[in-house]
Structure formats: structure tokens, C-alpha cells
Amino acid sequence: ETESIKDVPDALTIDTNARFRCFLEKVTGYTAK
């Protein structure tokens, strides 16, 4: 469950998304694709 913060710099959103995808891959074993 995620709750996002609106109006954050694009660089912060990109960094957060990359870290989130990293987390999901390590935990589930599946890549984003």
C-alpha cells in the first residue's frame, strides 16, 4: 500500500520509482517486465 506525495521534483519521483522497482524485484524475484 503506497501513499504518494504530490508536487515533488521529477528527479525525486524518478529516484523513488527506481528504488521501488529494485525492492519489488528483490522480494518477488520478478523483473518489472
PDB file of all heavy atoms in Angstrom:
ATOM      1  N   GLU A   1       0.867  -1.183   0.000  1.00  0.00           N
ATOM      2  CA  GLU A   1       0.000   0.000   0.000  1.00  0.00           C
ATOM      3  C   GLU A   1       0.898   1.226   0.000  1.00  0.00           C
ATOM      4  O   GLU A   1       1.796   1.347   0.829  1.00  0.00           O
ATOM      5  CB  GLU A   1      -0.876  -0.001   1.246  1.00  0.00           C
ATOM      6  CG  GLU A   1      -1.797   1.189   1.351  1.00  0.00           C
ATOM      7  CD  GLU A   1      -2.644   1.141   2.612  1.00  0.00           C
ATOM      8  OE1 GLU A   1      -2.940   0.047   3.110  1.00  0.00           O
ATOM      9  OE2 GLU A   1      -3.002   2.233   3.097  1.00  0.00           O
ATOM     10  N   THR A   2       0.682   2.097  -0.968  1.00  0.00           N
ATOM     11  CA  THR A   2       1.502   3.303  -1.054  1.00  0.00           C
ATOM     12  C   THR A   2       0.624   4.543  -1.028  1.00  0.00           C
ATOM     13  O   THR A   2      -0.478   4.550  -1.562  1.00  0.00           O
ATOM     14  CB  THR A   2       2.353   3.326  -2.348  1.00  0.00           C
ATOM     15  OG1 THR A   2       1.494   3.200  -3.477  1.00  0.00           O
ATOM     16  CG2 THR A   2       3.380   2.219  -2.352  1.00  0.00           C
ATOM     17  N   GLU A   3       1.161   5.569  -0.404  1.00  0.00           N
ATOM     18  CA  GLU A   3       0.537   6.890  -0.419  1.00  0.00           C
ATOM     19  C   GLU A   3       1.597   7.852  -0.932  1.00  0.00           C
ATOM     20  O   GLU A   3       2.650   8.015  -0.321  1.00  0.00           O
ATOM     21  CB  GLU A   3       0.076   7.294   0.972  1.00  0.00           C
ATOM     22  CG  GLU A   3      -0.637   8.626   0.992  1.00  0.00           C
ATOM     23  CD  GLU A   3      -1.136   9.008   2.380  1.00  0.00           C
ATOM     24  OE1 GLU A   3      -1.069   8.192   3.306  1.00  0.00           O
ATOM     25  OE2 GLU A   3      -1.589  10.160   2.515  1.00  0.00           O
ATOM     26  N   SER A   4       1.326   8.459  -2.077  1.00  0.00           N
ATOM     27  CA  SER A   4       2.297   9.336  -2.731  1.00  0.00           C
ATOM     28  C   SER A   4       2.164  10.772  -2.266  1.00  0.00           C
ATOM     29  O   SER A   4       1.095  11.207  -1.826  1.00  0.00           O
ATOM     30  CB  SER A   4       2.094   9.307  -4.243  1.00  0.00           C
ATOM     31  OG  SER A   4       2.228   7.999  -4.720  1.00  0.00           O
ATOM     32  N   ILE A   5       3.269  11.491  -2.394  1.00  0.00           N
ATOM     33  CA  ILE A   5       3.278  12.934  -2.140  1.00  0.00           C
ATOM     34  C   ILE A   5       3.171  13.620  -3.497  1.00  0.00           C
ATOM     35  O   ILE A   5       3.933  13.324  -4.407  1.00  0.00           O
ATOM     36  CB  ILE A   5       4.579  13.368  -1.435  1.00  0.00           C
ATOM     37  CG1 ILE A   5       4.753  12.637  -0.102  1.00  0.00           C
ATOM     38  CG2 ILE A   5       4.596  14.883  -1.240  1.00  0.00           C
ATOM     39  CD1 ILE A   5       6.103  12.845   0.537  1.00  0.00           C
ATOM     40  N   LYS A   6       2.230  14.515  -3.617  1.00  0.00           N
ATOM     41  CA  LYS A   6       2.081  15.257  -4.870  1.00  0.00           C
ATOM     42  C   LYS A   6       3.063  16.414  -4.900  1.00  0.00           C
ATOM     43  O   LYS A   6       3.563  16.858  -3.878  1.00  0.00           O
ATOM     44  CB  LYS A   6       0.651  15.779  -5.000  1.00  0.00           C
ATOM     45  CG  LYS A   6      -0.365  14.679  -5.120  1.00  0.00           C
ATOM     46  CD  LYS A   6      -1.754  15.247  -5.234  1.00  0.00           C
ATOM     47  CE  LYS A   6      -2.757  14.109  -5.305  1.00  0.00           C
ATOM     48  NZ  LYS A   6      -4.121  14.574  -5.373  1.00  0.00           N
ATOM     49  N   ASP A   7       3.310  16.909  -6.079  1.00  0.00           N
ATOM     50  CA  ASP A   7       4.137  18.099  -6.267  1.00  0.00           C
ATOM     51  C   ASP A   7       5.553  17.951  -5.703  1.00  0.00           C
ATOM     52  O   ASP A   7       6.025  18.795  -4.943  1.00  0.00           O
ATOM     53  CB  ASP A   7       3.457  19.337  -5.655  1.00  0.00           C
ATOM     54  CG  ASP A   7       2.088  19.599  -6.253  1.00  0.00           C
ATOM     55  OD1 ASP A   7       1.933  19.363  -7.469  1.00  0.00           O
ATOM     56  OD2 ASP A   7       1.189  20.020  -5.515  1.00  0.00           O
ATOM     57  N   VAL A   8       6.202  16.861  -6.068  1.00  0.00           N
ATOM     58  CA  VAL A   8       7.620  16.691  -5.714  1.00  0.00           C
ATOM     59  C   VAL A   8       8.431  16.837  -7.006  1.00  0.00           C
ATOM     60  O   VAL A   8       7.909  16.633  -8.103  1.00  0.00           O
ATOM     61  CB  VAL A   8       7.906  15.330  -5.049  1.00  0.00           C
ATOM     62  CG1 VAL A   8       7.189  15.226  -3.719  1.00  0.00           C
ATOM     63  CG2 VAL A   8       7.531  14.178  -5.939  1.00  0.00           C
ATOM     64  N   PRO A   9       9.684  17.192  -6.918  1.00  0.00           N
ATOM     65  CA  PRO A   9      10.501  17.321  -8.126  1.00  0.00           C
ATOM     66  C   PRO A   9      10.563  16.007  -8.911  1.00  0.00           C
ATOM     67  O   PRO A   9      10.535  14.923  -8.332  1.00  0.00           O
ATOM     68  CB  PRO A   9      11.885  17.677  -7.580  1.00  0.00           C
ATOM     69  CG  PRO A   9      11.651  18.220  -6.213  1.00  0.00           C
ATOM     70  CD  PRO A   9      10.427  17.527  -5.701  1.00  0.00           C
ATOM     71  N   ASP A  10      10.642  16.130 -10.230  1.00  0.00           N
ATOM     72  CA  ASP A  10      10.684  14.953 -11.097  1.00  0.00           C
ATOM     73  C   ASP A  10      11.830  14.019 -10.734  1.00  0.00           C
ATOM     74  O   ASP A  10      11.669  12.799 -10.736  1.00  0.00           O
ATOM     75  CB  ASP A  10      10.812  15.362 -12.562  1.00  0.00           C
ATOM     76  CG  ASP A  10       9.537  15.986 -13.106  1.00  0.00           C
ATOM     77  OD1 ASP A  10       8.470  15.832 -12.468  1.00  0.00           O
ATOM     78  OD2 ASP A  10       9.605  16.632 -14.177  1.00  0.00           O
ATOM     79  N   ALA A  11      12.979  14.580 -10.406  1.00  0.00           N
ATOM     80  CA  ALA A  11      14.145  13.755 -10.058  1.00  0.00           C
ATOM     81  C   ALA A  11      13.848  12.892  -8.831  1.00  0.00           C
ATOM     82  O   ALA A  11      14.269  11.725  -8.775  1.00  0.00           O
ATOM     83  CB  ALA A  11      15.361  14.627  -9.809  1.00  0.00           C
ATOM     84  N   LEU A  12      13.118  13.411  -7.867  1.00  0.00           N
ATOM     85  CA  LEU A  12      12.771  12.655  -6.665  1.00  0.00           C
ATOM     86  C   LEU A  12      11.790  11.541  -7.004  1.00  0.00           C
ATOM     87  O   LEU A  12      11.916  10.418  -6.500  1.00  0.00           O
ATOM     88  CB  LEU A  12      12.188  13.579  -5.596  1.00  0.00           C
ATOM     89  CG  LEU A  12      11.873  12.933  -4.252  1.00  0.00           C
ATOM     90  CD1 LEU A  12      13.127  12.330  -3.628  1.00  0.00           C
ATOM     91  CD2 LEU A  12      11.250  13.960  -3.312  1.00  0.00           C
ATOM     92  N   THR A  13      10.829  11.825  -7.867  1.00  0.00           N
ATOM     93  CA  THR A  13       9.877  10.807  -8.295  1.00  0.00           C
ATOM     94  C   THR A  13      10.589   9.681  -9.036  1.00  0.00           C
ATOM     95  O   THR A  13      10.333   8.498  -8.774  1.00  0.00           O
ATOM     96  CB  THR A  13       8.794  11.426  -9.205  1.00  0.00           C
ATOM     97  OG1 THR A  13       8.117  12.455  -8.473  1.00  0.00           O
ATOM     98  CG2 THR A  13       7.792  10.392  -9.675  1.00  0.00           C
ATOM     99  N   ILE A  14      11.495  10.017  -9.935  1.00  0.00           N
ATOM    100  CA  ILE A  14      12.241   9.015 -10.704  1.00  0.00           C
ATOM    101  C   ILE A  14      13.087   8.155  -9.775  1.00  0.00           C
ATOM    102  O   ILE A  14      13.115   6.924  -9.899  1.00  0.00           O
ATOM    103  CB  ILE A  14      13.094   9.692 -11.795  1.00  0.00           C
ATOM    104  CG1 ILE A  14      12.171  10.280 -12.859  1.00  0.00           C
ATOM    105  CG2 ILE A  14      14.095   8.723 -12.408  1.00  0.00           C
ATOM    106  CD1 ILE A  14      12.857  11.241 -13.819  1.00  0.00           C
ATOM    107  N   ASP A  15      13.775   8.785  -8.836  1.00  0.00           N
ATOM    108  CA  ASP A  15      14.602   8.051  -7.879  1.00  0.00           C
ATOM    109  C   ASP A  15      13.746   7.105  -7.031  1.00  0.00           C
ATOM    110  O   ASP A  15      14.099   5.942  -6.846  1.00  0.00           O
ATOM    111  CB  ASP A  15      15.365   9.018  -6.972  1.00  0.00           C
ATOM    112  CG  ASP A  15      16.146   8.293  -5.901  1.00  0.00           C
ATOM    113  OD1 ASP A  15      17.094   7.563  -6.247  1.00  0.00           O
ATOM    114  OD2 ASP A  15      15.803   8.457  -4.703  1.00  0.00           O
ATOM    115  N   THR A  16      12.622   7.598  -6.536  1.00  0.00           N
ATOM    116  CA  THR A  16      11.737   6.780  -5.699  1.00  0.00           C
ATOM    117  C   THR A  16      11.199   5.591  -6.494  1.00  0.00           C
ATOM    118  O   THR A  16      11.175   4.467  -5.993  1.00  0.00           O
ATOM    119  CB  THR A  16      10.574   7.626  -5.145  1.00  0.00           C
ATOM    120  OG1 THR A  16      11.109   8.742  -4.425  1.00  0.00           O
ATOM    121  CG2 THR A  16       9.689   6.817  -4.220  1.00  0.00           C
ATOM    122  N   ASN A  17      10.789   5.830  -7.742  1.00  0.00           N
ATOM    123  CA  ASN A  17      10.275   4.738  -8.573  1.00  0.00           C
ATOM    124  C   ASN A  17      11.340   3.686  -8.849  1.00  0.00           C
ATOM    125  O   ASN A  17      11.060   2.486  -8.821  1.00  0.00           O
ATOM    126  CB  ASN A  17       9.717   5.278  -9.893  1.00  0.00           C
ATOM    127  CG  ASN A  17       8.393   5.980  -9.714  1.00  0.00           C
ATOM    128  OD1 ASN A  17       7.685   5.762  -8.734  1.00  0.00           O
ATOM    129  ND2 ASN A  17       8.047   6.833 -10.659  1.00  0.00           N
ATOM    130  N   ALA A  18      12.562   4.107  -9.117  1.00  0.00           N
ATOM    131  CA  ALA A  18      13.652   3.162  -9.372  1.00  0.00           C
ATOM    132  C   ALA A  18      13.914   2.311  -8.130  1.00  0.00           C
ATOM    133  O   ALA A  18      14.122   1.095  -8.227  1.00  0.00           O
ATOM    134  CB  ALA A  18      14.914   3.905  -9.779  1.00  0.00           C
ATOM    135  N   ARG A  19      13.906   2.929  -6.974  1.00  0.00           N
ATOM    136  CA  ARG A  19      14.132   2.198  -5.724  1.00  0.00           C
ATOM    137  C   ARG A  19      12.984   1.225  -5.443  1.00  0.00           C
ATOM    138  O   ARG A  19      13.195   0.107  -4.977  1.00  0.00           O
ATOM    139  CB  ARG A  19      14.319   3.166  -4.559  1.00  0.00           C
ATOM    140  CG  ARG A  19      15.636   3.916  -4.642  1.00  0.00           C
ATOM    141  CD  ARG A  19      15.703   5.025  -3.600  1.00  0.00           C
ATOM    142  NE  ARG A  19      16.897   5.814  -3.740  1.00  0.00           N
ATOM    143  CZ  ARG A  19      18.042   5.578  -3.095  1.00  0.00           C
ATOM    144  NH1 ARG A  19      18.129   4.564  -2.268  1.00  0.00           N
ATOM    145  NH2 ARG A  19      19.081   6.364  -3.278  1.00  0.00           N
ATOM    146  N   PHE A  20      11.758   1.651  -5.757  1.00  0.00           N
ATOM    147  CA  PHE A  20      10.591   0.801  -5.560  1.00  0.00           C
ATOM    148  C   PHE A  20      10.671  -0.430  -6.466  1.00  0.00           C
ATOM    149  O   PHE A  20      10.409  -1.554  -6.034  1.00  0.00           O
ATOM    150  CB  PHE A  20       9.317   1.612  -5.820  1.00  0.00           C
ATOM    151  CG  PHE A  20       8.049   0.850  -5.560  1.00  0.00           C
ATOM    152  CD1 PHE A  20       7.699   0.468  -4.280  1.00  0.00           C
ATOM    153  CD2 PHE A  20       7.201   0.527  -6.603  1.00  0.00           C
ATOM    154  CE1 PHE A  20       6.523  -0.224  -4.036  1.00  0.00           C
ATOM    155  CE2 PHE A  20       6.029  -0.164  -6.380  1.00  0.00           C
ATOM    156  CZ  PHE A  20       5.685  -0.545  -5.089  1.00  0.00           C
ATOM    157  N   ARG A  21      11.047  -0.229  -7.728  1.00  0.00           N
ATOM    158  CA  ARG A  21      11.201  -1.361  -8.664  1.00  0.00           C
ATOM    159  C   ARG A  21      12.310  -2.304  -8.206  1.00  0.00           C
ATOM    160  O   ARG A  21      12.176  -3.525  -8.295  1.00  0.00           O
ATOM    161  CB  ARG A  21      11.465  -0.863 -10.083  1.00  0.00           C
ATOM    162  CG  ARG A  21      10.235  -0.241 -10.739  1.00  0.00           C
ATOM    163  CD  ARG A  21      10.450   0.035 -12.219  1.00  0.00           C
ATOM    164  NE  ARG A  21      11.650   0.813 -12.496  1.00  0.00           N
ATOM    165  CZ  ARG A  21      11.723   2.136 -12.506  1.00  0.00           C
ATOM    166  NH1 ARG A  21      10.653   2.845 -12.254  1.00  0.00           N
ATOM    167  NH2 ARG A  21      12.858   2.752 -12.782  1.00  0.00           N
ATOM    168  N   CYS A  22      13.402  -1.746  -7.699  1.00  0.00           N
ATOM    169  CA  CYS A  22      14.501  -2.543  -7.142  1.00  0.00           C
ATOM    170  C   CYS A  22      13.974  -3.416  -6.004  1.00  0.00           C
ATOM    171  O   CYS A  22      14.235  -4.625  -5.950  1.00  0.00           O
ATOM    172  CB  CYS A  22      15.611  -1.616  -6.653  1.00  0.00           C
ATOM    173  SG  CYS A  22      16.872  -2.409  -5.623  1.00  0.00           S
ATOM    174  N   PHE A  23      13.220  -2.810  -5.099  1.00  0.00           N
ATOM    175  CA  PHE A  23      12.643  -3.526  -3.967  1.00  0.00           C
ATOM    176  C   PHE A  23      11.759  -4.677  -4.434  1.00  0.00           C
ATOM    177  O   PHE A  23      11.896  -5.817  -3.968  1.00  0.00           O
ATOM    178  CB  PHE A  23      11.845  -2.550  -3.092  1.00  0.00           C
ATOM    179  CG  PHE A  23      10.945  -3.224  -2.108  1.00  0.00           C
ATOM    180  CD1 PHE A  23      11.461  -3.794  -0.952  1.00  0.00           C
ATOM    181  CD2 PHE A  23       9.582  -3.300  -2.348  1.00  0.00           C
ATOM    182  CE1 PHE A  23      10.630  -4.434  -0.049  1.00  0.00           C
ATOM    183  CE2 PHE A  23       8.745  -3.939  -1.450  1.00  0.00           C
ATOM    184  CZ  PHE A  23       9.267  -4.514  -0.296  1.00  0.00           C
ATOM    185  N   LEU A  24      10.853  -4.389  -5.365  1.00  0.00           N
ATOM    186  CA  LEU A  24       9.929  -5.426  -5.833  1.00  0.00           C
ATOM    187  C   LEU A  24      10.669  -6.593  -6.482  1.00  0.00           C
ATOM    188  O   LEU A  24      10.320  -7.753  -6.267  1.00  0.00           O
ATOM    189  CB  LEU A  24       8.920  -4.836  -6.820  1.00  0.00           C
ATOM    190  CG  LEU A  24       7.859  -3.912  -6.225  1.00  0.00           C
ATOM    191  CD1 LEU A  24       6.993  -3.324  -7.328  1.00  0.00           C
ATOM    192  CD2 LEU A  24       7.019  -4.638  -5.191  1.00  0.00           C
ATOM    193  N   GLU A  25      11.695  -6.292  -7.256  1.00  0.00           N
ATOM    194  CA  GLU A  25      12.442  -7.363  -7.913  1.00  0.00           C
ATOM    195  C   GLU A  25      13.160  -8.241  -6.887  1.00  0.00           C
ATOM    196  O   GLU A  25      13.155  -9.465  -7.001  1.00  0.00           O
ATOM    197  CB  GLU A  25      13.439  -6.794  -8.911  1.00  0.00           C
ATOM    198  CG  GLU A  25      14.135  -7.874  -9.714  1.00  0.00           C
ATOM    199  CD  GLU A  25      14.953  -7.337 -10.864  1.00  0.00           C
ATOM    200  OE1 GLU A  25      14.766  -6.176 -11.275  1.00  0.00           O
ATOM    201  OE2 GLU A  25      15.793  -8.102 -11.375  1.00  0.00           O
ATOM    202  N   LYS A  26      13.765  -7.633  -5.882  1.00  0.00           N
ATOM    203  CA  LYS A  26      14.487  -8.399  -4.865  1.00  0.00           C
ATOM    204  C   LYS A  26      13.546  -9.265  -4.029  1.00  0.00           C
ATOM    205  O   LYS A  26      13.898 -10.363  -3.626  1.00  0.00           O
ATOM    206  CB  LYS A  26      15.289  -7.476  -3.955  1.00  0.00           C
ATOM    207  CG  LYS A  26      16.523  -6.893  -4.623  1.00  0.00           C
ATOM    208  CD  LYS A  26      17.322  -6.052  -3.656  1.00  0.00           C
ATOM    209  CE  LYS A  26      18.535  -5.440  -4.279  1.00  0.00           C
ATOM    210  NZ  LYS A  26      19.490  -6.394  -4.799  1.00  0.00           N
ATOM    211  N   VAL A  27      12.343  -8.772  -3.772  1.00  0.00           N
ATOM    212  CA  VAL A  27      11.411  -9.512  -2.914  1.00  0.00           C
ATOM    213  C   VAL A  27      10.626 -10.563  -3.700  1.00  0.00           C
ATOM    214  O   VAL A  27      10.491 -11.702  -3.241  1.00  0.00           O
ATOM    215  CB  VAL A  27      10.438  -8.552  -2.189  1.00  0.00           C
ATOM    216  CG1 VAL A  27       9.393  -9.330  -1.406  1.00  0.00           C
ATOM    217  CG2 VAL A  27      11.207  -7.644  -1.254  1.00  0.00           C
ATOM    218  N   THR A  28      10.119 -10.204  -4.874  1.00  0.00           N
ATOM    219  CA  THR A  28       9.266 -11.138  -5.619  1.00  0.00           C
ATOM    220  C   THR A  28      10.046 -12.057  -6.548  1.00  0.00           C
ATOM    221  O   THR A  28       9.563 -13.125  -6.898  1.00  0.00           O
ATOM    222  CB  THR A  28       8.225 -10.388  -6.477  1.00  0.00           C
ATOM    223  OG1 THR A  28       8.897  -9.651  -7.507  1.00  0.00           O
ATOM    224  CG2 THR A  28       7.364  -9.475  -5.622  1.00  0.00           C
ATOM    225  N   GLY A  29      11.230 -11.625  -6.968  1.00  0.00           N
ATOM    226  CA  GLY A  29      12.008 -12.416  -7.913  1.00  0.00           C
ATOM    227  C   GLY A  29      11.672 -12.122  -9.361  1.00  0.00           C
ATOM    228  O   GLY A  29      12.288 -12.672 -10.270  1.00  0.00           O
ATOM    229  N   TYR A  30      10.699 -11.257  -9.593  1.00  0.00           N
ATOM    230  CA  TYR A  30      10.289 -10.904 -10.957  1.00  0.00           C
ATOM    231  C   TYR A  30      10.792  -9.512 -11.329  1.00  0.00           C
ATOM    232  O   TYR A  30      10.713  -8.586 -10.521  1.00  0.00           O
ATOM    233  CB  TYR A  30       8.761 -10.910 -11.091  1.00  0.00           C
ATOM    234  CG  TYR A  30       8.142 -12.279 -11.026  1.00  0.00           C
ATOM    235  CD1 TYR A  30       7.312 -12.636  -9.978  1.00  0.00           C
ATOM    236  CD2 TYR A  30       8.368 -13.216 -12.030  1.00  0.00           C
ATOM    237  CE1 TYR A  30       6.722 -13.887  -9.915  1.00  0.00           C
ATOM    238  CE2 TYR A  30       7.785 -14.469 -11.976  1.00  0.00           C
ATOM    239  CZ  TYR A  30       6.966 -14.802 -10.917  1.00  0.00           C
ATOM    240  OH  TYR A  30       6.398 -16.046 -10.871  1.00  0.00           O
ATOM    241  N   THR A  31      11.246  -9.364 -12.569  1.00  0.00           N
ATOM    242  CA  THR A  31      11.628  -8.050 -13.083  1.00  0.00           C
ATOM    243  C   THR A  31      10.358  -7.246 -13.363  1.00  0.00           C
ATOM    244  O   THR A  31       9.249  -7.795 -13.371  1.00  0.00           O
ATOM    245  CB  THR A  31      12.433  -8.166 -14.386  1.00  0.00           C
ATOM    246  OG1 THR A  31      11.583  -8.741 -15.392  1.00  0.00           O
ATOM    247  CG2 THR A  31      13.681  -9.021 -14.210  1.00  0.00           C
ATOM    248  N   ALA A  32      10.529  -5.965 -13.647  1.00  0.00           N
ATOM    249  CA  ALA A  32       9.378  -5.109 -13.968  1.00  0.00           C
ATOM    250  C   ALA A  32       8.633  -5.655 -15.187  1.00  0.00           C
ATOM    251  O   ALA A  32       7.397  -5.680 -15.210  1.00  0.00           O
ATOM    252  CB  ALA A  32       9.836  -3.679 -14.208  1.00  0.00           C
ATOM    253  N   LYS A  33       9.369  -6.100 -16.184  1.00  0.00           N
ATOM    254  CA  LYS A  33       8.759  -6.643 -17.396  1.00  0.00           C
ATOM    255  C   LYS A  33       7.953  -7.909 -17.073  1.00  0.00           C
ATOM    256  O   LYS A  33       6.830  -8.077 -17.546  1.00  0.00           O
ATOM    257  CB  LYS A  33       9.849  -6.953 -18.423  1.00  0.00           C
ATOM    258  CG  LYS A  33       9.328  -7.392 -19.760  1.00  0.00           C
ATOM    259  CD  LYS A  33      10.472  -7.560 -20.745  1.00  0.00           C
ATOM    260  CE  LYS A  33       9.956  -7.954 -22.110  1.00  0.00           C
ATOM    261  NZ  LYS A  33      11.038  -8.066 -23.088  1.00  0.00           N
TER     262      LYS A  33
END
